């Protein structure tokens, strides 16, 4: 079966899939028809692809779609920025994607504008006044990545303090997930990124945050 934007699973296989072979692609499985309902994302060479019990998604697949563009973009932007600081590439983690998406949806609909008060939990938050004409999910991810990275301006290697920037480039973090949600009623767009292991551990900044190798970097040229 060739996966397009969304493909329904043949009726004889509906809700009867225990494993998948993504054949080098990134795909998302959905419990409902037309790519609706609960979902799980499968990366190439993902250990869960051969056994969906790994994701608690056994015999639940009704349709299959391509991976979310904003998640792949978020991973790409993070890794390009990390490369500049000699930090190893992150890997997209579906559990973190789901946690980040749930958090973004909750924050987008809460009464108060979400703000970041701590940078020790491995979670980054970005909130903006949402305008549908300008804020696609991919645009929101680009804005969030730029805002987080720009906190580099205040970083002092002699007296390092935790920030979104230091978490983004933290060398010991290896897994990444991202979620995007919008609320038309509250005119709000929210991006949440989650990292594991979480960074910004006191006393370990020197070995985890490197000074950039080059200057004049344009995030939006990626």
C-alpha atoms as a PDB file:
ATOM      1  CA  UNK A   1       0.000   0.000   0.000  1.00  0.00           C
ATOM      2  CA  UNK A   2       1.460   3.344  -1.076  1.00  0.00           C
ATOM      3  CA  UNK A   3       0.923   5.923   1.646  1.00  0.00           C
ATOM      4  CA  UNK A   4      -0.223   9.345   0.434  1.00  0.00           C
ATOM      5  CA  UNK A   5      -1.433  12.223   2.623  1.00  0.00           C
ATOM      6  CA  UNK A   6      -4.052   9.869   4.070  1.00  0.00           C
ATOM      7  CA  UNK A   7      -4.878   6.296   3.086  1.00  0.00           C
ATOM      8  CA  UNK A   8      -7.637   4.129   4.543  1.00  0.00           C
ATOM      9  CA  UNK A   9      -6.648   0.635   5.579  1.00  0.00           C
ATOM     10  CA  UNK A  10      -8.474  -2.056   3.521  1.00  0.00           C
ATOM     11  CA  UNK A  11     -11.595  -3.257   5.317  1.00  0.00           C
ATOM     12  CA  UNK A  12     -10.249  -6.804   5.699  1.00  0.00           C
ATOM     13  CA  UNK A  13      -7.264  -5.380   7.656  1.00  0.00           C
ATOM     14  CA  UNK A  14      -9.101  -2.653   9.531  1.00  0.00           C
ATOM     15  CA  UNK A  15      -8.301  -2.733  13.268  1.00  0.00           C
ATOM     16  CA  UNK A  16      -6.245  -5.872  12.669  1.00  0.00           C
ATOM     17  CA  UNK A  17      -2.656  -4.647  12.280  1.00  0.00           C
ATOM     18  CA  UNK A  18      -0.024  -5.744  14.764  1.00  0.00           C
ATOM     19  CA  UNK A  19       3.123  -4.456  12.993  1.00  0.00           C
ATOM     20  CA  UNK A  20       4.168  -2.202  10.109  1.00  0.00           C
ATOM     21  CA  UNK A  21       7.109  -1.872   7.742  1.00  0.00           C
ATOM     22  CA  UNK A  22       7.543   1.849   6.915  1.00  0.00           C
ATOM     23  CA  UNK A  23      10.148   0.965   4.240  1.00  0.00           C
ATOM     24  CA  UNK A  24      12.397   3.862   5.048  1.00  0.00           C
ATOM     25  CA  UNK A  25       9.565   6.384   5.403  1.00  0.00           C
ATOM     26  CA  UNK A  26       8.053   8.187   8.356  1.00  0.00           C
ATOM     27  CA  UNK A  27       4.340   7.343   8.688  1.00  0.00           C
ATOM     28  CA  UNK A  28       1.531   8.058  11.165  1.00  0.00           C
ATOM     29  CA  UNK A  29      -1.111   5.464  12.049  1.00  0.00           C
ATOM     30  CA  UNK A  30      -4.628   6.586  13.045  1.00  0.00           C
ATOM     31  CA  UNK A  31      -7.376   4.774  14.923  1.00  0.00           C
ATOM     32  CA  UNK A  32     -10.116   6.493  12.889  1.00  0.00           C
ATOM     33  CA  UNK A  33     -10.902   6.779   9.207  1.00  0.00           C
ATOM     34  CA  UNK A  34      -9.557   9.724   7.183  1.00  0.00           C
ATOM     35  CA  UNK A  35      -6.629  10.159   9.566  1.00  0.00           C
ATOM     36  CA  UNK A  36      -8.649  11.060  12.640  1.00  0.00           C
ATOM     37  CA  UNK A  37      -8.670   9.823  16.236  1.00  0.00           C
ATOM     38  CA  UNK A  38      -5.726   8.595  18.288  1.00  0.00           C
ATOM     39  CA  UNK A  39      -2.467   8.280  16.405  1.00  0.00           C
ATOM     40  CA  UNK A  40       1.115   7.117  16.647  1.00  0.00           C
ATOM     41  CA  UNK A  41       4.090   8.120  14.492  1.00  0.00           C
ATOM     42  CA  UNK A  42       6.529   5.477  13.247  1.00  0.00           C
ATOM     43  CA  UNK A  43      10.043   6.480  12.223  1.00  0.00           C
ATOM     44  CA  UNK A  44      12.293   4.468   9.877  1.00  0.00           C
ATOM     45  CA  UNK A  45      14.101   1.748  11.845  1.00  0.00           C
ATOM     46  CA  UNK A  46      11.894   2.491  14.834  1.00  0.00           C
ATOM     47  CA  UNK A  47      11.937  -0.404  17.336  1.00  0.00           C
ATOM     48  CA  UNK A  48       8.168  -0.126  17.642  1.00  0.00           C
ATOM     49  CA  UNK A  49       7.482  -0.662  13.936  1.00  0.00           C
ATOM     50  CA  UNK A  50       7.772  -4.429  14.143  1.00  0.00           C
ATOM     51  CA  UNK A  51       5.373  -4.637  17.090  1.00  0.00           C
ATOM     52  CA  UNK A  52       2.690  -2.014  17.663  1.00  0.00           C
ATOM     53  CA  UNK A  53       2.179  -3.360  21.179  1.00  0.00           C
ATOM     54  CA  UNK A  54       5.330  -1.298  21.882  1.00  0.00           C
ATOM     55  CA  UNK A  55       3.213   1.861  21.346  1.00  0.00           C
ATOM     56  CA  UNK A  56       0.008   0.464  22.899  1.00  0.00           C
ATOM     57  CA  UNK A  57      -1.489   0.664  19.402  1.00  0.00           C
ATOM     58  CA  UNK A  58      -2.066  -3.003  18.690  1.00  0.00           C
ATOM     59  CA  UNK A  59      -5.021  -3.670  16.324  1.00  0.00           C
ATOM     60  CA  UNK A  60      -6.125  -0.031  16.301  1.00  0.00           C
ATOM     61  CA  UNK A  61      -5.112   1.179  12.819  1.00  0.00           C
ATOM     62  CA  UNK A  62      -7.884   2.344  10.453  1.00  0.00           C
ATOM     63  CA  UNK A  63      -5.929   4.781   8.293  1.00  0.00           C
ATOM     64  CA  UNK A  64      -2.329   5.760   7.570  1.00  0.00           C
ATOM     65  CA  UNK A  65      -0.855   9.174   6.763  1.00  0.00           C
ATOM     66  CA  UNK A  66       2.486  10.827   6.275  1.00  0.00           C
ATOM     67  CA  UNK A  67       4.330  12.273   9.253  1.00  0.00           C
ATOM     68  CA  UNK A  68       3.456  15.724  10.483  1.00  0.00           C
ATOM     69  CA  UNK A  69       5.543  18.274   8.583  1.00  0.00           C
ATOM     70  CA  UNK A  70       5.867  20.555  11.614  1.00  0.00           C
ATOM     71  CA  UNK A  71       7.434  17.775  13.690  1.00  0.00           C
ATOM     72  CA  UNK A  72      10.048  16.990  11.057  1.00  0.00           C
ATOM     73  CA  UNK A  73      10.717  20.705  10.612  1.00  0.00           C
ATOM     74  CA  UNK A  74      11.132  21.168  14.369  1.00  0.00           C
ATOM     75  CA  UNK A  75      13.621  18.312  14.487  1.00  0.00           C
ATOM     76  CA  UNK A  76      15.529  19.697  11.488  1.00  0.00           C
ATOM     77  CA  UNK A  77      15.722  23.227  12.909  1.00  0.00           C
ATOM     78  CA  UNK A  78      16.884  21.945  16.306  1.00  0.00           C
ATOM     79  CA  UNK A  79      19.558  19.741  14.791  1.00  0.00           C
ATOM     80  CA  UNK A  80      20.869  22.464  12.487  1.00  0.00           C
ATOM     81  CA  UNK A  81      21.208  24.802  15.442  1.00  0.00           C
ATOM     82  CA  UNK A  82      22.775  22.099  17.625  1.00  0.00           C
ATOM     83  CA  UNK A  83      25.309  21.299  14.910  1.00  0.00           C
ATOM     84  CA  UNK A  84      26.507  24.877  15.134  1.00  0.00           C
ATOM     85  CA  UNK A  85      27.352  24.215  18.799  1.00  0.00           C
ATOM     86  CA  UNK A  86      28.937  20.783  18.242  1.00  0.00           C
ATOM     87  CA  UNK A  87      25.978  19.085  19.921  1.00  0.00           C
ATOM     88  CA  UNK A  88      24.876  15.663  18.596  1.00  0.00           C
ATOM     89  CA  UNK A  89      21.660  15.328  16.613  1.00  0.00           C
ATOM     90  CA  UNK A  90      18.387  14.687  18.436  1.00  0.00           C
ATOM     91  CA  UNK A  91      16.031  11.816  17.552  1.00  0.00           C
ATOM     92  CA  UNK A  92      12.278  12.292  17.226  1.00  0.00           C
ATOM     93  CA  UNK A  93      10.470  10.434  20.001  1.00  0.00           C
ATOM     94  CA  UNK A  94       6.776   9.634  19.566  1.00  0.00           C
ATOM     95  CA  UNK A  95       6.013   9.575  23.286  1.00  0.00           C
ATOM     96  CA  UNK A  96       7.511  13.062  23.617  1.00  0.00           C
ATOM     97  CA  UNK A  97       5.544  14.190  20.529  1.00  0.00           C
ATOM     98  CA  UNK A  98       2.302  13.054  22.141  1.00  0.00           C
ATOM     99  CA  UNK A  99       3.136  14.655  25.500  1.00  0.00           C
ATOM    100  CA  UNK A 100       4.129  17.920  23.818  1.00  0.00           C
ATOM    101  CA  UNK A 101       0.966  17.972  21.694  1.00  0.00           C
ATOM    102  CA  UNK A 102      -1.258  17.390  24.720  1.00  0.00           C
ATOM    103  CA  UNK A 103       0.520  20.170  26.619  1.00  0.00           C
ATOM    104  CA  UNK A 104       0.232  22.590  23.680  1.00  0.00           C
ATOM    105  CA  UNK A 105      -3.498  21.936  23.341  1.00  0.00           C
ATOM    106  CA  UNK A 106      -4.072  22.503  27.062  1.00  0.00           C
ATOM    107  CA  UNK A 107      -2.059  25.739  27.078  1.00  0.00           C
ATOM    108  CA  UNK A 108      -3.723  27.081  23.929  1.00  0.00           C
ATOM    109  CA  UNK A 109      -7.119  26.880  25.598  1.00  0.00           C
ATOM    110  CA  UNK A 110      -6.326  27.978  29.138  1.00  0.00           C
ATOM    111  CA  UNK A 111      -7.564  31.333  30.409  1.00  0.00           C
ATOM    112  CA  UNK A 112      -4.152  32.913  31.022  1.00  0.00           C
ATOM    113  CA  UNK A 113      -1.424  33.392  28.443  1.00  0.00           C
ATOM    114  CA  UNK A 114       1.153  30.628  29.017  1.00  0.00           C
ATOM    115  CA  UNK A 115       4.578  31.785  30.154  1.00  0.00           C
ATOM    116  CA  UNK A 116       7.841  29.938  30.769  1.00  0.00           C
ATOM    117  CA  UNK A 117       8.895  30.160  34.422  1.00  0.00           C
ATOM    118  CA  UNK A 118      11.512  27.397  34.604  1.00  0.00           C
ATOM    119  CA  UNK A 119      13.994  25.833  32.191  1.00  0.00           C
ATOM    120  CA  UNK A 120      14.929  22.751  34.246  1.00  0.00           C
ATOM    121  CA  UNK A 121      12.170  20.362  33.144  1.00  0.00           C
ATOM    122  CA  UNK A 122      13.224  19.753  29.537  1.00  0.00           C
ATOM    123  CA  UNK A 123      10.140  21.657  28.312  1.00  0.00           C
ATOM    124  CA  UNK A 124      10.144  24.817  26.156  1.00  0.00           C
ATOM    125  CA  UNK A 125       7.018  26.913  25.555  1.00  0.00           C
ATOM    126  CA  UNK A 126       6.290  29.533  22.908  1.00  0.00           C
ATOM    127  CA  UNK A 127       3.046  31.508  22.730  1.00  0.00           C
ATOM    128  CA  UNK A 128       1.943  34.100  20.177  1.00  0.00           C
ATOM    129  CA  UNK A 129      -1.142  36.073  19.208  1.00  0.00           C
ATOM    130  CA  UNK A 130      -2.573  33.688  16.621  1.00  0.00           C
ATOM    131  CA  UNK A 131      -3.497  34.949  13.149  1.00  0.00           C
ATOM    132  CA  UNK A 132      -4.665  32.118  10.831  1.00  0.00           C
ATOM    133  CA  UNK A 133      -3.556  33.963   7.708  1.00  0.00           C
ATOM    134  CA  UNK A 134       0.084  34.060   8.842  1.00  0.00           C
ATOM    135  CA  UNK A 135       0.470  31.262  11.382  1.00  0.00           C
ATOM    136  CA  UNK A 136       0.566  27.830   9.836  1.00  0.00           C
ATOM    137  CA  UNK A 137       1.920  25.104  12.105  1.00  0.00           C
ATOM    138  CA  UNK A 138       5.262  25.165  10.313  1.00  0.00           C
ATOM    139  CA  UNK A 139       5.474  28.956  10.658  1.00  0.00           C
ATOM    140  CA  UNK A 140       4.763  28.676  14.374  1.00  0.00           C
ATOM    141  CA  UNK A 141       7.574  26.121  14.750  1.00  0.00           C
ATOM    142  CA  UNK A 142       9.982  28.426  12.897  1.00  0.00           C
ATOM    143  CA  UNK A 143       8.999  31.359  15.118  1.00  0.00           C
ATOM    144  CA  UNK A 144       9.380  29.299  18.282  1.00  0.00           C
ATOM    145  CA  UNK A 145      12.788  27.918  17.284  1.00  0.00           C
ATOM    146  CA  UNK A 146      14.025  31.413  16.466  1.00  0.00           C
ATOM    147  CA  UNK A 147      12.708  32.879  19.738  1.00  0.00           C
ATOM    148  CA  UNK A 148      14.278  30.119  21.825  1.00  0.00           C
ATOM    149  CA  UNK A 149      17.618  30.345  20.062  1.00  0.00           C
ATOM    150  CA  UNK A 150      17.770  34.142  20.312  1.00  0.00           C
ATOM    151  CA  UNK A 151      18.108  33.782  24.082  1.00  0.00           C
ATOM    152  CA  UNK A 152      21.739  33.019  23.251  1.00  0.00           C
ATOM    153  CA  UNK A 153      22.251  36.805  23.349  1.00  0.00           C
ATOM    154  CA  UNK A 154      22.058  36.807  27.149  1.00  0.00           C
ATOM    155  CA  UNK A 155      24.203  33.685  27.653  1.00  0.00           C
ATOM    156  CA  UNK A 156      27.413  34.263  29.624  1.00  0.00           C
ATOM    157  CA  UNK A 157      29.736  31.246  29.679  1.00  0.00           C
ATOM    158  CA  UNK A 158      31.466  32.633  32.805  1.00  0.00           C
ATOM    159  CA  UNK A 159      28.171  32.780  34.684  1.00  0.00           C
ATOM    160  CA  UNK A 160      25.824  30.418  32.816  1.00  0.00           C
ATOM    161  CA  UNK A 161      22.116  30.458  33.602  1.00  0.00           C
ATOM    162  CA  UNK A 162      19.394  28.133  32.299  1.00  0.00           C
ATOM    163  CA  UNK A 163      17.398  29.328  29.307  1.00  0.00           C
ATOM    164  CA  UNK A 164      15.545  28.036  26.274  1.00  0.00           C
ATOM    165  CA  UNK A 165      18.776  28.465  24.293  1.00  0.00           C
ATOM    166  CA  UNK A 166      20.836  26.299  26.638  1.00  0.00           C
ATOM    167  CA  UNK A 167      18.215  23.527  26.579  1.00  0.00           C
ATOM    168  CA  UNK A 168      18.002  23.640  22.783  1.00  0.00           C
ATOM    169  CA  UNK A 169      21.768  23.060  22.358  1.00  0.00           C
ATOM    170  CA  UNK A 170      22.293  20.901  25.488  1.00  0.00           C
ATOM    171  CA  UNK A 171      24.650  18.127  24.385  1.00  0.00           C
ATOM    172  CA  UNK A 172      23.366  15.426  26.756  1.00  0.00           C
ATOM    173  CA  UNK A 173      19.767  15.688  25.509  1.00  0.00           C
ATOM    174  CA  UNK A 174      19.181  12.999  22.873  1.00  0.00           C
ATOM    175  CA  UNK A 175      15.393  12.732  22.306  1.00  0.00           C
ATOM    176  CA  UNK A 176      12.973  15.380  21.074  1.00  0.00           C
ATOM    177  CA  UNK A 177       9.244  15.883  20.659  1.00  0.00           C
ATOM    178  CA  UNK A 178       7.147  18.866  19.606  1.00  0.00           C
ATOM    179  CA  UNK A 179       3.489  19.851  19.627  1.00  0.00           C
ATOM    180  CA  UNK A 180       1.579  22.775  18.094  1.00  0.00           C
ATOM    181  CA  UNK A 181      -1.929  23.947  18.950  1.00  0.00           C
ATOM    182  CA  UNK A 182      -4.065  26.962  18.124  1.00  0.00           C
ATOM    183  CA  UNK A 183      -7.151  28.453  19.701  1.00  0.00           C
ATOM    184  CA  UNK A 184      -9.239  30.695  17.475  1.00  0.00           C
ATOM    185  CA  UNK A 185     -11.431  31.695  20.429  1.00  0.00           C
ATOM    186  CA  UNK A 186      -8.447  32.867  22.453  1.00  0.00           C
ATOM    187  CA  UNK A 187      -6.460  34.069  19.402  1.00  0.00           C
ATOM    188  CA  UNK A 188      -3.498  32.042  20.578  1.00  0.00           C
ATOM    189  CA  UNK A 189      -0.898  29.790  19.023  1.00  0.00           C
ATOM    190  CA  UNK A 190       1.297  27.612  21.244  1.00  0.00           C
ATOM    191  CA  UNK A 191       4.364  25.490  20.546  1.00  0.00           C
ATOM    192  CA  UNK A 192       5.718  23.064  23.143  1.00  0.00           C
ATOM    193  CA  UNK A 193       9.005  21.188  22.754  1.00  0.00           C
ATOM    194  CA  UNK A 194      10.140  18.393  25.047  1.00  0.00           C
ATOM    195  CA  UNK A 195      13.694  17.094  25.463  1.00  0.00           C
ATOM    196  CA  UNK A 196      15.020  13.969  27.134  1.00  0.00           C
ATOM    197  CA  UNK A 197      17.144  13.715  29.143  1.00  0.00           C
ATOM    198  CA  UNK A 198      16.277  17.236  30.261  1.00  0.00           C
ATOM    199  CA  UNK A 199      19.096  19.767  30.228  1.00  0.00           C
ATOM    200  CA  UNK A 200      20.158  22.803  32.248  1.00  0.00           C
ATOM    201  CA  UNK A 201      21.560  20.737  35.109  1.00  0.00           C
ATOM    202  CA  UNK A 202      23.501  22.926  37.574  1.00  0.00           C
ATOM    203  CA  UNK A 203      27.258  22.520  37.398  1.00  0.00           C
ATOM    204  CA  UNK A 204      27.296  20.885  33.940  1.00  0.00           C
ATOM    205  CA  UNK A 205      26.967  23.854  31.581  1.00  0.00           C
ATOM    206  CA  UNK A 206      30.613  23.860  30.531  1.00  0.00           C
ATOM    207  CA  UNK A 207      30.483  20.363  29.073  1.00  0.00           C
ATOM    208  CA  UNK A 208      27.002  20.743  27.573  1.00  0.00           C
ATOM    209  CA  UNK A 209      26.865  24.234  26.026  1.00  0.00           C
ATOM    210  CA  UNK A 210      29.492  25.109  23.436  1.00  0.00           C
ATOM    211  CA  UNK A 211      30.167  28.561  22.015  1.00  0.00           C
ATOM    212  CA  UNK A 212      29.103  28.807  18.327  1.00  0.00           C
ATOM    213  CA  UNK A 213      31.730  27.931  15.758  1.00  0.00           C
ATOM    214  CA  UNK A 214      30.559  30.621  13.309  1.00  0.00           C
ATOM    215  CA  UNK A 215      28.813  33.968  13.417  1.00  0.00           C
ATOM    216  CA  UNK A 216      26.026  35.397  11.252  1.00  0.00           C
ATOM    217  CA  UNK A 217      23.529  32.546  11.247  1.00  0.00           C
ATOM    218  CA  UNK A 218      20.128  32.892   9.599  1.00  0.00           C
ATOM    219  CA  UNK A 219      17.631  30.425  11.058  1.00  0.00           C
ATOM    220  CA  UNK A 220      15.108  31.045   8.296  1.00  0.00           C
ATOM    221  CA  UNK A 221      17.573  30.054   5.586  1.00  0.00           C
ATOM    222  CA  UNK A 222      17.296  26.427   6.706  1.00  0.00           C
END
